[in-house]
Amino acid sequence: PLAESGGGLVQPGGSLRLSCAASGFV
């Protein structure tokens, strides 16, 4: 139903973008 992605190792001050892909609902 929900699948997270985009995590990882980043330095302080950096950026990441996480995504949650939904299945079975809008």
PDB file of all heavy atoms in Angstrom:
ATOM      1  N   PRO A   1       0.801  -1.236   0.000  1.00  0.00           N
ATOM      2  CA  PRO A   1       0.000   0.000   0.000  1.00  0.00           C
ATOM      3  C   PRO A   1       0.826   1.274   0.000  1.00  0.00           C
ATOM      4  O   PRO A   1       0.452   2.249  -0.660  1.00  0.00           O
ATOM      5  CB  PRO A   1      -0.816  -0.127   1.285  1.00  0.00           C
ATOM      6  CG  PRO A   1      -0.858  -1.591   1.573  1.00  0.00           C
ATOM      7  CD  PRO A   1       0.462  -2.116   1.120  1.00  0.00           C
ATOM      8  N   LEU A   2       1.932   1.290   0.751  1.00  0.00           N
ATOM      9  CA  LEU A   2       2.806   2.451   0.841  1.00  0.00           C
ATOM     10  C   LEU A   2       4.245   1.987   0.742  1.00  0.00           C
ATOM     11  O   LEU A   2       4.654   1.072   1.459  1.00  0.00           O
ATOM     12  CB  LEU A   2       2.608   3.202   2.158  1.00  0.00           C
ATOM     13  CG  LEU A   2       1.248   3.841   2.411  1.00  0.00           C
ATOM     14  CD1 LEU A   2       1.176   4.378   3.833  1.00  0.00           C
ATOM     15  CD2 LEU A   2       0.991   4.958   1.415  1.00  0.00           C
ATOM     16  N   ALA A   3       5.022   2.632  -0.111  1.00  0.00           N
ATOM     17  CA  ALA A   3       6.420   2.267  -0.317  1.00  0.00           C
ATOM     18  C   ALA A   3       7.269   3.530  -0.304  1.00  0.00           C
ATOM     19  O   ALA A   3       7.199   4.336  -1.236  1.00  0.00           O
ATOM     20  CB  ALA A   3       6.591   1.515  -1.627  1.00  0.00           C
ATOM     21  N   GLU A   4       8.071   3.686   0.738  1.00  0.00           N
ATOM     22  CA  GLU A   4       8.954   4.838   0.856  1.00  0.00           C
ATOM     23  C   GLU A   4      10.250   4.604   0.098  1.00  0.00           C
ATOM     24  O   GLU A   4      10.751   3.480   0.040  1.00  0.00           O
ATOM     25  CB  GLU A   4       9.285   5.135   2.330  1.00  0.00           C
ATOM     26  CG  GLU A   4       8.085   5.392   3.220  1.00  0.00           C
ATOM     27  CD  GLU A   4       7.648   4.165   3.978  1.00  0.00           C
ATOM     28  OE1 GLU A   4       7.889   3.028   3.498  1.00  0.00           O
ATOM     29  OE2 GLU A   4       7.061   4.327   5.072  1.00  0.00           O
ATOM     30  N   SER A   5      10.806   5.683  -0.416  1.00  0.00           N
ATOM     31  CA  SER A   5      12.100   5.632  -1.066  1.00  0.00           C
ATOM     32  C   SER A   5      12.782   6.984  -0.916  1.00  0.00           C
ATOM     33  O   SER A   5      12.149   7.975  -0.556  1.00  0.00           O
ATOM     34  CB  SER A   5      11.971   5.259  -2.545  1.00  0.00           C
ATOM     35  OG  SER A   5      11.231   6.233  -3.258  1.00  0.00           O
ATOM     36  N   GLY A   6      14.071   7.017  -1.199  1.00  0.00           N
ATOM     37  CA  GLY A   6      14.812   8.262  -1.213  1.00  0.00           C
ATOM     38  C   GLY A   6      15.717   8.501  -0.026  1.00  0.00           C
ATOM     39  O   GLY A   6      16.462   9.490  -0.017  1.00  0.00           O
ATOM     40  N   GLY A   7      15.668   7.638   0.964  1.00  0.00           N
ATOM     41  CA  GLY A   7      16.532   7.806   2.116  1.00  0.00           C
ATOM     42  C   GLY A   7      17.980   7.529   1.781  1.00  0.00           C
ATOM     43  O   GLY A   7      18.314   7.009   0.715  1.00  0.00           O
ATOM     44  N   GLY A   8      18.844   7.894   2.709  1.00  0.00           N
ATOM     45  CA  GLY A   8      20.263   7.680   2.516  1.00  0.00           C
ATOM     46  C   GLY A   8      21.081   8.482   3.492  1.00  0.00           C
ATOM     47  O   GLY A   8      20.568   9.012   4.483  1.00  0.00           O
ATOM     48  N   LEU A   9      22.367   8.562   3.199  1.00  0.00           N
ATOM     49  CA  LEU A   9      23.319   9.301   4.020  1.00  0.00           C
ATOM     50  C   LEU A   9      23.569  10.662   3.401  1.00  0.00           C
ATOM     51  O   LEU A   9      23.862  10.762   2.202  1.00  0.00           O
ATOM     52  CB  LEU A   9      24.628   8.523   4.132  1.00  0.00           C
ATOM     53  CG  LEU A   9      25.785   9.200   4.860  1.00  0.00           C
ATOM     54  CD1 LEU A   9      25.437   9.432   6.323  1.00  0.00           C
ATOM     55  CD2 LEU A   9      27.042   8.360   4.723  1.00  0.00           C
ATOM     56  N   VAL A  10      23.467  11.695   4.214  1.00  0.00           N
ATOM     57  CA  VAL A  10      23.677  13.056   3.736  1.00  0.00           C
ATOM     58  C   VAL A  10      24.422  13.838   4.812  1.00  0.00           C
ATOM     59  O   VAL A  10      24.283  13.565   6.005  1.00  0.00           O
ATOM     60  CB  VAL A  10      22.335  13.724   3.376  1.00  0.00           C
ATOM     61  CG1 VAL A  10      21.459  13.903   4.608  1.00  0.00           C
ATOM     62  CG2 VAL A  10      22.546  15.044   2.658  1.00  0.00           C
ATOM     63  N   GLN A  11      25.214  14.807   4.382  1.00  0.00           N
ATOM     64  CA  GLN A  11      25.936  15.650   5.322  1.00  0.00           C
ATOM     65  C   GLN A  11      25.025  16.697   5.938  1.00  0.00           C
ATOM     66  O   GLN A  11      24.017  17.088   5.339  1.00  0.00           O
ATOM     67  CB  GLN A  11      27.106  16.341   4.618  1.00  0.00           C
ATOM     68  CG  GLN A  11      28.199  15.395   4.172  1.00  0.00           C
ATOM     69  CD  GLN A  11      29.378  16.123   3.558  1.00  0.00           C
ATOM     70  OE1 GLN A  11      29.251  17.260   3.119  1.00  0.00           O
ATOM     71  NE2 GLN A  11      30.522  15.467   3.530  1.00  0.00           N
ATOM     72  N   PRO A  12      25.347  17.166   7.142  1.00  0.00           N
ATOM     73  CA  PRO A  12      24.581  18.281   7.704  1.00  0.00           C
ATOM     74  C   PRO A  12      24.517  19.453   6.733  1.00  0.00           C
ATOM     75  O   PRO A  12      25.507  19.803   6.088  1.00  0.00           O
ATOM     76  CB  PRO A  12      25.356  18.638   8.971  1.00  0.00           C
ATOM     77  CG  PRO A  12      26.037  17.368   9.352  1.00  0.00           C
ATOM     78  CD  PRO A  12      26.400  16.699   8.051  1.00  0.00           C
ATOM     79  N   GLY A  13      23.340  20.040   6.649  1.00  0.00           N
ATOM     80  CA  GLY A  13      23.105  21.117   5.704  1.00  0.00           C
ATOM     81  C   GLY A  13      22.649  20.657   4.340  1.00  0.00           C
ATOM     82  O   GLY A  13      22.223  21.490   3.525  1.00  0.00           O
ATOM     83  N   GLY A  14      22.712  19.371   4.090  1.00  0.00           N
ATOM     84  CA  GLY A  14      22.313  18.836   2.806  1.00  0.00           C
ATOM     85  C   GLY A  14      20.822  18.621   2.701  1.00  0.00           C
ATOM     86  O   GLY A  14      20.049  18.957   3.605  1.00  0.00           O
ATOM     87  N   SER A  15      20.423  18.025   1.591  1.00  0.00           N
ATOM     88  CA  SER A  15      19.012  17.822   1.285  1.00  0.00           C
ATOM     89  C   SER A  15      18.757  16.406   0.812  1.00  0.00           C
ATOM     90  O   SER A  15      19.626  15.756   0.219  1.00  0.00           O
ATOM     91  CB  SER A  15      18.544  18.791   0.191  1.00  0.00           C
ATOM     92  OG  SER A  15      18.645  20.140   0.599  1.00  0.00           O
ATOM     93  N   LEU A  16      17.566  15.939   1.080  1.00  0.00           N
ATOM     94  CA  LEU A  16      17.054  14.688   0.548  1.00  0.00           C
ATOM     95  C   LEU A  16      15.591  14.879   0.208  1.00  0.00           C
ATOM     96  O   LEU A  16      14.899  15.691   0.831  1.00  0.00           O
ATOM     97  CB  LEU A  16      17.183  13.538   1.548  1.00  0.00           C
ATOM     98  CG  LEU A  16      18.549  12.904   1.782  1.00  0.00           C
ATOM     99  CD1 LEU A  16      18.458  11.912   2.927  1.00  0.00           C
ATOM    100  CD2 LEU A  16      19.047  12.216   0.520  1.00  0.00           C
ATOM    101  N   ARG A  17      15.136  14.105  -0.754  1.00  0.00           N
ATOM    102  CA  ARG A  17      13.721  14.087  -1.091  1.00  0.00           C
ATOM    103  C   ARG A  17      13.217  12.663  -0.958  1.00  0.00           C
ATOM    104  O   ARG A  17      13.681  11.762  -1.659  1.00  0.00           O
ATOM    105  CB  ARG A  17      13.478  14.605  -2.507  1.00  0.00           C
ATOM    106  CG  ARG A  17      11.994  14.775  -2.845  1.00  0.00           C
ATOM    107  CD  ARG A  17      11.800  15.431  -4.203  1.00  0.00           C
ATOM    108  NE  ARG A  17      10.388  15.638  -4.511  1.00  0.00           N
ATOM    109  CZ  ARG A  17       9.698  16.723  -4.190  1.00  0.00           C
ATOM    110  NH1 ARG A  17      10.291  17.725  -3.545  1.00  0.00           N
ATOM    111  NH2 ARG A  17       8.409  16.822  -4.519  1.00  0.00           N
ATOM    112  N   LEU A  18      12.286  12.466  -0.051  1.00  0.00           N
ATOM    113  CA  LEU A  18      11.659  11.181   0.147  1.00  0.00           C
ATOM    114  C   LEU A  18      10.367  11.113  -0.646  1.00  0.00           C
ATOM    115  O   LEU A  18       9.674  12.121  -0.818  1.00  0.00           O
ATOM    116  CB  LEU A  18      11.349  10.940   1.625  1.00  0.00           C
ATOM    117  CG  LEU A  18      12.502  11.111   2.613  1.00  0.00           C
ATOM    118  CD1 LEU A  18      12.033  10.776   4.021  1.00  0.00           C
ATOM    119  CD2 LEU A  18      13.694  10.255   2.214  1.00  0.00           C
ATOM    120  N   SER A  19      10.049   9.932  -1.105  1.00  0.00           N
ATOM    121  CA  SER A  19       8.824   9.721  -1.842  1.00  0.00           C
ATOM    122  C   SER A  19       8.080   8.537  -1.262  1.00  0.00           C
ATOM    123  O   SER A  19       8.684   7.536  -0.887  1.00  0.00           O
ATOM    124  CB  SER A  19       9.120   9.474  -3.327  1.00  0.00           C
ATOM    125  OG  SER A  19       7.925   9.354  -4.069  1.00  0.00           O
ATOM    126  N   CYS A  20       6.776   8.664  -1.176  1.00  0.00           N
ATOM    127  CA  CYS A  20       5.903   7.604  -0.707  1.00  0.00           C
ATOM    128  C   CYS A  20       4.941   7.270  -1.834  1.00  0.00           C
ATOM    129  O   CYS A  20       4.071   8.084  -2.169  1.00  0.00           O
ATOM    130  CB  CYS A  20       5.147   8.046   0.541  1.00  0.00           C
ATOM    131  SG  CYS A  20       3.955   6.847   1.148  1.00  0.00           S
ATOM    132  N   ALA A  21       5.122   6.109  -2.412  1.00  0.00           N
ATOM    133  CA  ALA A  21       4.277   5.667  -3.511  1.00  0.00           C
ATOM    134  C   ALA A  21       3.103   4.882  -2.956  1.00  0.00           C
ATOM    135  O   ALA A  21       3.285   3.887  -2.252  1.00  0.00           O
ATOM    136  CB  ALA A  21       5.076   4.814  -4.487  1.00  0.00           C
ATOM    137  N   ALA A  22       1.911   5.319  -3.280  1.00  0.00           N
ATOM    138  CA  ALA A  22       0.694   4.700  -2.773  1.00  0.00           C
ATOM    139  C   ALA A  22       0.093   3.783  -3.824  1.00  0.00           C
ATOM    140  O   ALA A  22       0.028   4.129  -5.010  1.00  0.00           O
ATOM    141  CB  ALA A  22      -0.324   5.759  -2.369  1.00  0.00           C
ATOM    142  N   SER A  23      -0.344   2.633  -3.363  1.00  0.00           N
ATOM    143  CA  SER A  23      -1.054   1.687  -4.209  1.00  0.00           C
ATOM    144  C   SER A  23      -2.362   1.306  -3.533  1.00  0.00           C
ATOM    145  O   SER A  23      -2.403   1.082  -2.331  1.00  0.00           O
ATOM    146  CB  SER A  23      -0.218   0.428  -4.445  1.00  0.00           C
ATOM    147  OG  SER A  23       0.975   0.732  -5.125  1.00  0.00           O
ATOM    148  N   GLY A  24      -3.419   1.239  -4.312  1.00  0.00           N
ATOM    149  CA  GLY A  24      -4.701   0.822  -3.778  1.00  0.00           C
ATOM    150  C   GLY A  24      -5.543   1.934  -3.194  1.00  0.00           C
ATOM    151  O   GLY A  24      -6.665   1.677  -2.752  1.00  0.00           O
ATOM    152  N   PHE A  25      -5.032   3.143  -3.169  1.00  0.00           N
ATOM    153  CA  PHE A  25      -5.825   4.292  -2.759  1.00  0.00           C
ATOM    154  C   PHE A  25      -5.277   5.532  -3.442  1.00  0.00           C
ATOM    155  O   PHE A  25      -4.141   5.534  -3.931  1.00  0.00           O
ATOM    156  CB  PHE A  25      -5.865   4.463  -1.233  1.00  0.00           C
ATOM    157  CG  PHE A  25      -4.578   4.932  -0.623  1.00  0.00           C
ATOM    158  CD1 PHE A  25      -4.349   6.280  -0.394  1.00  0.00           C
ATOM    159  CD2 PHE A  25      -3.595   4.029  -0.263  1.00  0.00           C
ATOM    160  CE1 PHE A  25      -3.173   6.718   0.178  1.00  0.00           C
ATOM    161  CE2 PHE A  25      -2.410   4.453   0.311  1.00  0.00           C
ATOM    162  CZ  PHE A  25      -2.199   5.802   0.530  1.00  0.00           C
ATOM    163  N   VAL A  26      -6.064   6.571  -3.462  1.00  0.00           N
ATOM    164  CA  VAL A  26      -5.727   7.810  -4.159  1.00  0.00           C
ATOM    165  C   VAL A  26      -5.296   8.843  -3.129  1.00  0.00           C
ATOM    166  O   VAL A  26      -6.063   9.212  -2.242  1.00  0.00           O
ATOM    167  CB  VAL A  26      -6.922   8.317  -4.977  1.00  0.00           C
ATOM    168  CG1 VAL A  26      -6.594   9.641  -5.644  1.00  0.00           C
ATOM    169  CG2 VAL A  26      -7.334   7.280  -6.020  1.00  0.00           C
TER     170      VAL A  26
END
